[in-house]
Amino acid sequence: MQKATIQLETLSCPSCLQKIENAVKGLEGVEKDSVKVMFNSSKVKTTFDSQVISIEDVEKSIKKLGYPVIKSKVSAV
């Protein structure tokens, strides 16, 4: 398992938070309970199985919603 912190551009509304959270939770290989979207810091934190899904796939799902990803930091759990 790997832990990721994904920095997004500034989030402008609380409903954005919900959209991003639901999209990331819906990905296979992502630990559903680990998904946290921090509105004030515009970050997404999650734990995922790198054997099943890559950080690029997680980023892609967020970008597909229209939220630019600035950078991601991944570390082993």
PDB file of N, CA and C in Angstrom:
ATOM      1  N   MET A   1       0.849  -1.194   0.000  1.00  0.00           N
ATOM      2  CA  MET A   1       0.000   0.000   0.000  1.00  0.00           C
ATOM      3  C   MET A   1       0.881   1.239   0.000  1.00  0.00           C
ATOM      4  N   GLN A   2       0.360   2.270  -0.633  1.00  0.00           N
ATOM      5  CA  GLN A   2       1.068   3.537  -0.674  1.00  0.00           C
ATOM      6  C   GLN A   2       0.147   4.663  -0.246  1.00  0.00           C
ATOM      7  N   LYS A   3       0.760   5.678   0.347  1.00  0.00           N
ATOM      8  CA  LYS A   3       0.009   6.840   0.798  1.00  0.00           C
ATOM      9  C   LYS A   3       0.273   7.977  -0.176  1.00  0.00           C
ATOM     10  N   ALA A   4      -0.760   8.701  -0.555  1.00  0.00           N
ATOM     11  CA  ALA A   4      -0.570   9.817  -1.486  1.00  0.00           C
ATOM     12  C   ALA A   4      -1.172  11.094  -0.933  1.00  0.00           C
ATOM     13  N   THR A   5      -0.468  12.196  -1.182  1.00  0.00           N
ATOM     14  CA  THR A   5      -1.007  13.522  -0.912  1.00  0.00           C
ATOM     15  C   THR A   5      -0.968  14.243  -2.252  1.00  0.00           C
ATOM     16  N   ILE A   6      -2.131  14.641  -2.712  1.00  0.00           N
ATOM     17  CA  ILE A   6      -2.244  15.279  -4.024  1.00  0.00           C
ATOM     18  C   ILE A   6      -2.632  16.738  -3.818  1.00  0.00           C
ATOM     19  N   GLN A   7      -1.779  17.638  -4.301  1.00  0.00           N
ATOM     20  CA  GLN A   7      -2.040  19.074  -4.178  1.00  0.00           C
ATOM     21  C   GLN A   7      -2.819  19.537  -5.402  1.00  0.00           C
ATOM     22  N   LEU A   8      -3.971  20.159  -5.157  1.00  0.00           N
ATOM     23  CA  LEU A   8      -4.805  20.667  -6.246  1.00  0.00           C
ATOM     24  C   LEU A   8      -4.743  22.188  -6.276  1.00  0.00           C
ATOM     25  N   GLU A   9      -5.241  22.752  -7.381  1.00  0.00           N
ATOM     26  CA  GLU A   9      -5.404  24.199  -7.399  1.00  0.00           C
ATOM     27  C   GLU A   9      -6.492  24.519  -6.390  1.00  0.00           C
ATOM     28  N   THR A  10      -6.584  25.759  -5.960  1.00  0.00           N
ATOM     29  CA  THR A  10      -7.520  26.144  -4.909  1.00  0.00           C
ATOM     30  C   THR A  10      -8.949  25.711  -5.221  1.00  0.00           C
ATOM     31  N   LEU A  11      -9.553  25.015  -4.263  1.00  0.00           N
ATOM     32  CA  LEU A  11     -10.948  24.582  -4.415  1.00  0.00           C
ATOM     33  C   LEU A  11     -11.844  25.761  -4.056  1.00  0.00           C
ATOM     34  N   SER A  12     -12.872  25.963  -4.858  1.00  0.00           N
ATOM     35  CA  SER A  12     -13.698  27.152  -4.646  1.00  0.00           C
ATOM     36  C   SER A  12     -15.054  26.882  -3.992  1.00  0.00           C
ATOM     37  N   CYS A  13     -15.476  25.618  -3.958  1.00  0.00           N
ATOM     38  CA  CYS A  13     -16.779  25.363  -3.345  1.00  0.00           C
ATOM     39  C   CYS A  13     -16.809  24.002  -2.658  1.00  0.00           C
ATOM     40  N   PRO A  14     -17.568  23.902  -1.578  1.00  0.00           N
ATOM     41  CA  PRO A  14     -17.651  22.623  -0.850  1.00  0.00           C
ATOM     42  C   PRO A  14     -18.190  21.467  -1.692  1.00  0.00           C
ATOM     43  N   SER A  15     -18.981  21.756  -2.713  1.00  0.00           N
ATOM     44  CA  SER A  15     -19.502  20.657  -3.536  1.00  0.00           C
ATOM     45  C   SER A  15     -18.399  20.045  -4.397  1.00  0.00           C
ATOM     46  N   CYS A  16     -17.343  20.839  -4.679  1.00  0.00           N
ATOM     47  CA  CYS A  16     -16.176  20.304  -5.404  1.00  0.00           C
ATOM     48  C   CYS A  16     -15.568  19.179  -4.587  1.00  0.00           C
ATOM     49  N   LEU A  17     -15.461  19.430  -3.309  1.00  0.00           N
ATOM     50  CA  LEU A  17     -14.901  18.479  -2.357  1.00  0.00           C
ATOM     51  C   LEU A  17     -15.643  17.148  -2.449  1.00  0.00           C
ATOM     52  N   GLN A  18     -16.946  17.200  -2.456  1.00  0.00           N
ATOM     53  CA  GLN A  18     -17.780  16.006  -2.521  1.00  0.00           C
ATOM     54  C   GLN A  18     -17.561  15.250  -3.829  1.00  0.00           C
ATOM     55  N   LYS A  19     -17.496  15.990  -4.930  1.00  0.00           N
ATOM     56  CA  LYS A  19     -17.299  15.389  -6.252  1.00  0.00           C
ATOM     57  C   LYS A  19     -15.969  14.641  -6.319  1.00  0.00           C
ATOM     58  N   ILE A  20     -14.909  15.288  -5.844  1.00  0.00           N
ATOM     59  CA  ILE A  20     -13.572  14.689  -5.874  1.00  0.00           C
ATOM     60  C   ILE A  20     -13.530  13.457  -4.976  1.00  0.00           C
ATOM     61  N   GLU A  21     -14.075  13.603  -3.773  1.00  0.00           N
ATOM     62  CA  GLU A  21     -14.083  12.485  -2.821  1.00  0.00           C
ATOM     63  C   GLU A  21     -14.795  11.266  -3.407  1.00  0.00           C
ATOM     64  N   ASN A  22     -15.963  11.473  -3.996  1.00  0.00           N
ATOM     65  CA  ASN A  22     -16.726  10.361  -4.578  1.00  0.00           C
ATOM     66  C   ASN A  22     -15.982   9.718  -5.742  1.00  0.00           C
ATOM     67  N   ALA A  23     -15.333  10.536  -6.569  1.00  0.00           N
ATOM     68  CA  ALA A  23     -14.608  10.002  -7.730  1.00  0.00           C
ATOM     69  C   ALA A  23     -13.434   9.139  -7.282  1.00  0.00           C
ATOM     70  N   VAL A  24     -12.666   9.622  -6.303  1.00  0.00           N
ATOM     71  CA  VAL A  24     -11.495   8.870  -5.841  1.00  0.00           C
ATOM     72  C   VAL A  24     -11.927   7.606  -5.102  1.00  0.00           C
ATOM     73  N   LYS A  25     -12.980   7.706  -4.295  1.00  0.00           N
ATOM     74  CA  LYS A  25     -13.486   6.523  -3.574  1.00  0.00           C
ATOM     75  C   LYS A  25     -13.984   5.452  -4.536  1.00  0.00           C
ATOM     76  N   GLY A  26     -14.419   5.864  -5.711  1.00  0.00           N
ATOM     77  CA  GLY A  26     -14.959   4.925  -6.693  1.00  0.00           C
ATOM     78  C   GLY A  26     -13.902   4.166  -7.477  1.00  0.00           C
ATOM     79  N   LEU A  27     -12.636   4.516  -7.288  1.00  0.00           N
ATOM     80  CA  LEU A  27     -11.566   3.860  -8.042  1.00  0.00           C
ATOM     81  C   LEU A  27     -11.173   2.536  -7.398  1.00  0.00           C
ATOM     82  N   GLU A  28     -10.949   1.533  -8.239  1.00  0.00           N
ATOM     83  CA  GLU A  28     -10.529   0.235  -7.722  1.00  0.00           C
ATOM     84  C   GLU A  28      -9.082   0.329  -7.262  1.00  0.00           C
ATOM     85  N   GLY A  29      -8.797  -0.189  -6.082  1.00  0.00           N
ATOM     86  CA  GLY A  29      -7.441  -0.144  -5.550  1.00  0.00           C
ATOM     87  C   GLY A  29      -7.237   0.970  -4.534  1.00  0.00           C
ATOM     88  N   VAL A  30      -8.228   1.852  -4.426  1.00  0.00           N
ATOM     89  CA  VAL A  30      -8.151   2.939  -3.445  1.00  0.00           C
ATOM     90  C   VAL A  30      -8.873   2.503  -2.185  1.00  0.00           C
ATOM     91  N   GLU A  31      -8.240   2.703  -1.037  1.00  0.00           N
ATOM     92  CA  GLU A  31      -8.863   2.372   0.239  1.00  0.00           C
ATOM     93  C   GLU A  31      -9.933   3.434   0.534  1.00  0.00           C
ATOM     94  N   LYS A  32     -11.194   3.038   0.434  1.00  0.00           N
ATOM     95  CA  LYS A  32     -12.317   3.988   0.534  1.00  0.00           C
ATOM     96  C   LYS A  32     -12.271   4.854   1.805  1.00  0.00           C
ATOM     97  N   ASP A  33     -11.991   4.227   2.939  1.00  0.00           N
ATOM     98  CA  ASP A  33     -12.005   4.958   4.208  1.00  0.00           C
ATOM     99  C   ASP A  33     -10.845   5.930   4.354  1.00  0.00           C
ATOM    100  N   SER A  34      -9.849   5.811   3.485  1.00  0.00           N
ATOM    101  CA  SER A  34      -8.658   6.652   3.625  1.00  0.00           C
ATOM    102  C   SER A  34      -8.774   7.968   2.851  1.00  0.00           C
ATOM    103  N   VAL A  35      -9.813   8.089   2.020  1.00  0.00           N
ATOM    104  CA  VAL A  35      -9.927   9.283   1.164  1.00  0.00           C
ATOM    105  C   VAL A  35     -10.385  10.492   1.977  1.00  0.00           C
ATOM    106  N   LYS A  36      -9.528  11.523   1.979  1.00  0.00           N
ATOM    107  CA  LYS A  36      -9.876  12.762   2.671  1.00  0.00           C
ATOM    108  C   LYS A  36      -9.548  13.926   1.755  1.00  0.00           C
ATOM    109  N   VAL A  37     -10.531  14.781   1.523  1.00  0.00           N
ATOM    110  CA  VAL A  37     -10.297  15.985   0.725  1.00  0.00           C
ATOM    111  C   VAL A  37     -10.311  17.157   1.689  1.00  0.00           C
ATOM    112  N   MET A  38      -9.184  17.872   1.757  1.00  0.00           N
ATOM    113  CA  MET A  38      -9.105  19.022   2.651  1.00  0.00           C
ATOM    114  C   MET A  38      -9.396  20.280   1.858  1.00  0.00           C
ATOM    115  N   PHE A  39     -10.536  20.871   2.147  1.00  0.00           N
ATOM    116  CA  PHE A  39     -11.004  22.032   1.399  1.00  0.00           C
ATOM    117  C   PHE A  39     -10.064  23.224   1.555  1.00  0.00           C
ATOM    118  N   ASN A  40      -9.693  23.547   2.784  1.00  0.00           N
ATOM    119  CA  ASN A  40      -8.883  24.750   3.039  1.00  0.00           C
ATOM    120  C   ASN A  40      -7.488  24.686   2.430  1.00  0.00           C
ATOM    121  N   SER A  41      -6.883  23.491   2.417  1.00  0.00           N
ATOM    122  CA  SER A  41      -5.536  23.383   1.847  1.00  0.00           C
ATOM    123  C   SER A  41      -5.552  22.837   0.417  1.00  0.00           C
ATOM    124  N   SER A  42      -6.737  22.526  -0.095  1.00  0.00           N
ATOM    125  CA  SER A  42      -6.904  21.994  -1.455  1.00  0.00           C
ATOM    126  C   SER A  42      -6.035  20.759  -1.694  1.00  0.00           C
ATOM    127  N   LYS A  43      -6.099  19.821  -0.751  1.00  0.00           N
ATOM    128  CA  LYS A  43      -5.330  18.585  -0.871  1.00  0.00           C
ATOM    129  C   LYS A  43      -6.242  17.374  -0.783  1.00  0.00           C
ATOM    130  N   VAL A  44      -5.811  16.311  -1.435  1.00  0.00           N
ATOM    131  CA  VAL A  44      -6.498  15.026  -1.340  1.00  0.00           C
ATOM    132  C   VAL A  44      -5.497  14.055  -0.745  1.00  0.00           C
ATOM    133  N   LYS A  45      -5.898  13.374   0.329  1.00  0.00           N
ATOM    134  CA  LYS A  45      -5.035  12.345   0.920  1.00  0.00           C
ATOM    135  C   LYS A  45      -5.746  11.012   0.780  1.00  0.00           C
ATOM    136  N   THR A  46      -4.984  10.005   0.413  1.00  0.00           N
ATOM    137  CA  THR A  46      -5.566   8.674   0.272  1.00  0.00           C
ATOM    138  C   THR A  46      -4.490   7.605   0.363  1.00  0.00           C
ATOM    139  N   THR A  47      -4.931   6.383   0.580  1.00  0.00           N
ATOM    140  CA  THR A  47      -4.051   5.225   0.562  1.00  0.00           C
ATOM    141  C   THR A  47      -4.538   4.333  -0.577  1.00  0.00           C
ATOM    142  N   PHE A  48      -3.586   3.831  -1.368  1.00  0.00           N
ATOM    143  CA  PHE A  48      -3.989   3.002  -2.509  1.00  0.00           C
ATOM    144  C   PHE A  48      -3.017   1.852  -2.698  1.00  0.00           C
ATOM    145  N   ASP A  49      -3.495   0.826  -3.405  1.00  0.00           N
ATOM    146  CA  ASP A  49      -2.686  -0.351  -3.695  1.00  0.00           C
ATOM    147  C   ASP A  49      -2.023  -0.148  -5.057  1.00  0.00           C
ATOM    148  N   SER A  50      -0.713   0.059  -5.045  1.00  0.00           N
ATOM    149  CA  SER A  50       0.002   0.363  -6.287  1.00  0.00           C
ATOM    150  C   SER A  50       0.058  -0.833  -7.251  1.00  0.00           C
ATOM    151  N   GLN A  51      -0.319  -2.015  -6.772  1.00  0.00           N
ATOM    152  CA  GLN A  51      -0.409  -3.184  -7.655  1.00  0.00           C
ATOM    153  C   GLN A  51      -1.666  -3.113  -8.517  1.00  0.00           C
ATOM    154  N   VAL A  52      -2.666  -2.360  -8.029  1.00  0.00           N
ATOM    155  CA  VAL A  52      -3.968  -2.300  -8.695  1.00  0.00           C
ATOM    156  C   VAL A  52      -4.145  -0.990  -9.481  1.00  0.00           C
ATOM    157  N   ILE A  53      -3.666   0.119  -8.902  1.00  0.00           N
ATOM    158  CA  ILE A  53      -3.881   1.429  -9.518  1.00  0.00           C
ATOM    159  C   ILE A  53      -2.639   2.298  -9.302  1.00  0.00           C
ATOM    160  N   SER A  54      -2.360   3.169 -10.267  1.00  0.00           N
ATOM    161  CA  SER A  54      -1.191   4.049 -10.138  1.00  0.00           C
ATOM    162  C   SER A  54      -1.637   5.438  -9.681  1.00  0.00           C
ATOM    163  N   ILE A  55      -0.690   6.214  -9.186  1.00  0.00           N
ATOM    164  CA  ILE A  55      -1.003   7.584  -8.771  1.00  0.00           C
ATOM    165  C   ILE A  55      -1.469   8.394  -9.987  1.00  0.00           C
ATOM    166  N   GLU A  56      -0.940   8.068 -11.167  1.00  0.00           N
ATOM    167  CA  GLU A  56      -1.361   8.770 -12.396  1.00  0.00           C
ATOM    168  C   GLU A  56      -2.846   8.549 -12.672  1.00  0.00           C
ATOM    169  N   ASP A  57      -3.327   7.325 -12.397  1.00  0.00           N
ATOM    170  CA  ASP A  57      -4.749   7.029 -12.606  1.00  0.00           C
ATOM    171  C   ASP A  57      -5.626   7.812 -11.632  1.00  0.00           C
ATOM    172  N   VAL A  58      -5.143   7.947 -10.392  1.00  0.00           N
ATOM    173  CA  VAL A  58      -5.893   8.724  -9.393  1.00  0.00           C
ATOM    174  C   VAL A  58      -5.933  10.185  -9.835  1.00  0.00           C
ATOM    175  N   GLU A  59      -4.784  10.713 -10.264  1.00  0.00           N
ATOM    176  CA  GLU A  59      -4.710  12.099 -10.742  1.00  0.00           C
ATOM    177  C   GLU A  59      -5.632  12.308 -11.938  1.00  0.00           C
ATOM    178  N   LYS A  60      -5.621  11.335 -12.858  1.00  0.00           N
ATOM    179  CA  LYS A  60      -6.435  11.429 -14.067  1.00  0.00           C
ATOM    180  C   LYS A  60      -7.918  11.552 -13.728  1.00  0.00           C
ATOM    181  N   SER A  61      -8.369  10.788 -12.728  1.00  0.00           N
ATOM    182  CA  SER A  61      -9.786  10.832 -12.359  1.00  0.00           C
ATOM    183  C   SER A  61     -10.164  12.205 -11.789  1.00  0.00           C
ATOM    184  N   ILE A  62      -9.215  12.849 -11.096  1.00  0.00           N
ATOM    185  CA  ILE A  62      -9.469  14.185 -10.547  1.00  0.00           C
ATOM    186  C   ILE A  62      -9.451  15.223 -11.676  1.00  0.00           C
ATOM    187  N   LYS A  63      -8.471  15.084 -12.577  1.00  0.00           N
ATOM    188  CA  LYS A  63      -8.357  16.020 -13.712  1.00  0.00           C
ATOM    189  C   LYS A  63      -9.584  15.941 -14.619  1.00  0.00           C
ATOM    190  N   LYS A  64     -10.127  14.712 -14.753  1.00  0.00           N
ATOM    191  CA  LYS A  64     -11.299  14.499 -15.603  1.00  0.00           C
ATOM    192  C   LYS A  64     -12.506  15.306 -15.108  1.00  0.00           C
ATOM    193  N   LEU A  65     -12.535  15.558 -13.789  1.00  0.00           N
ATOM    194  CA  LEU A  65     -13.615  16.363 -13.206  1.00  0.00           C
ATOM    195  C   LEU A  65     -13.392  17.859 -13.429  1.00  0.00           C
ATOM    196  N   GLY A  66     -12.190  18.208 -13.892  1.00  0.00           N
ATOM    197  CA  GLY A  66     -11.885  19.608 -14.165  1.00  0.00           C
ATOM    198  C   GLY A  66     -11.078  20.306 -13.085  1.00  0.00           C
ATOM    199  N   TYR A  67     -10.423  19.522 -12.215  1.00  0.00           N
ATOM    200  CA  TYR A  67      -9.609  20.115 -11.147  1.00  0.00           C
ATOM    201  C   TYR A  67      -8.138  19.839 -11.426  1.00  0.00           C
ATOM    202  N   PRO A  68      -7.372  20.885 -11.732  1.00  0.00           N
ATOM    203  CA  PRO A  68      -5.945  20.688 -12.050  1.00  0.00           C
ATOM    204  C   PRO A  68      -5.150  20.177 -10.848  1.00  0.00           C
ATOM    205  N   VAL A  69      -4.297  19.203 -11.095  1.00  0.00           N
ATOM    206  CA  VAL A  69      -3.418  18.658 -10.061  1.00  0.00           C
ATOM    207  C   VAL A  69      -2.080  19.385 -10.186  1.00  0.00           C
ATOM    208  N   ILE A  70      -1.607  19.958  -9.088  1.00  0.00           N
ATOM    209  CA  ILE A  70      -0.327  20.658  -9.108  1.00  0.00           C
ATOM    210  C   ILE A  70       0.820  19.676  -8.916  1.00  0.00           C
ATOM    211  N   LYS A  71       0.725  18.853  -7.883  1.00  0.00           N
ATOM    212  CA  LYS A  71       1.766  17.844  -7.652  1.00  0.00           C
ATOM    213  C   LYS A  71       1.243  16.757  -6.739  1.00  0.00           C
ATOM    214  N   SER A  72       1.922  15.619  -6.752  1.00  0.00           N
ATOM    215  CA  SER A  72       1.561  14.505  -5.874  1.00  0.00           C
ATOM    216  C   SER A  72       2.796  14.016  -5.153  1.00  0.00           C
ATOM    217  N   LYS A  73       2.580  13.598  -3.914  1.00  0.00           N
ATOM    218  CA  LYS A  73       3.673  13.028  -3.129  1.00  0.00           C
ATOM    219  C   LYS A  73       3.211  11.640  -2.695  1.00  0.00           C
ATOM    220  N   VAL A  74       4.005  10.631  -3.010  1.00  0.00           N
ATOM    221  CA  VAL A  74       3.629   9.248  -2.682  1.00  0.00           C
ATOM    222  C   VAL A  74       4.704   8.656  -1.771  1.00  0.00           C
ATOM    223  N   SER A  75       4.264   7.958  -0.737  1.00  0.00           N
ATOM    224  CA  SER A  75       5.205   7.283   0.154  1.00  0.00           C
ATOM    225  C   SER A  75       4.656   5.914   0.543  1.00  0.00           C
ATOM    226  N   ALA A  76       5.535   5.033   0.921  1.00  0.00           N
ATOM    227  CA  ALA A  76       5.112   3.695   1.353  1.00  0.00           C
ATOM    228  C   ALA A  76       4.451   3.792   2.722  1.00  0.00           C
ATOM    229  N   VAL A  77       3.482   2.914   2.945  1.00  0.00           N
ATOM    230  CA  VAL A  77       2.771   2.927   4.237  1.00  0.00           C
ATOM    231  C   VAL A  77       3.556   2.106   5.231  1.00  0.00           C
TER     232      VAL A  77
END
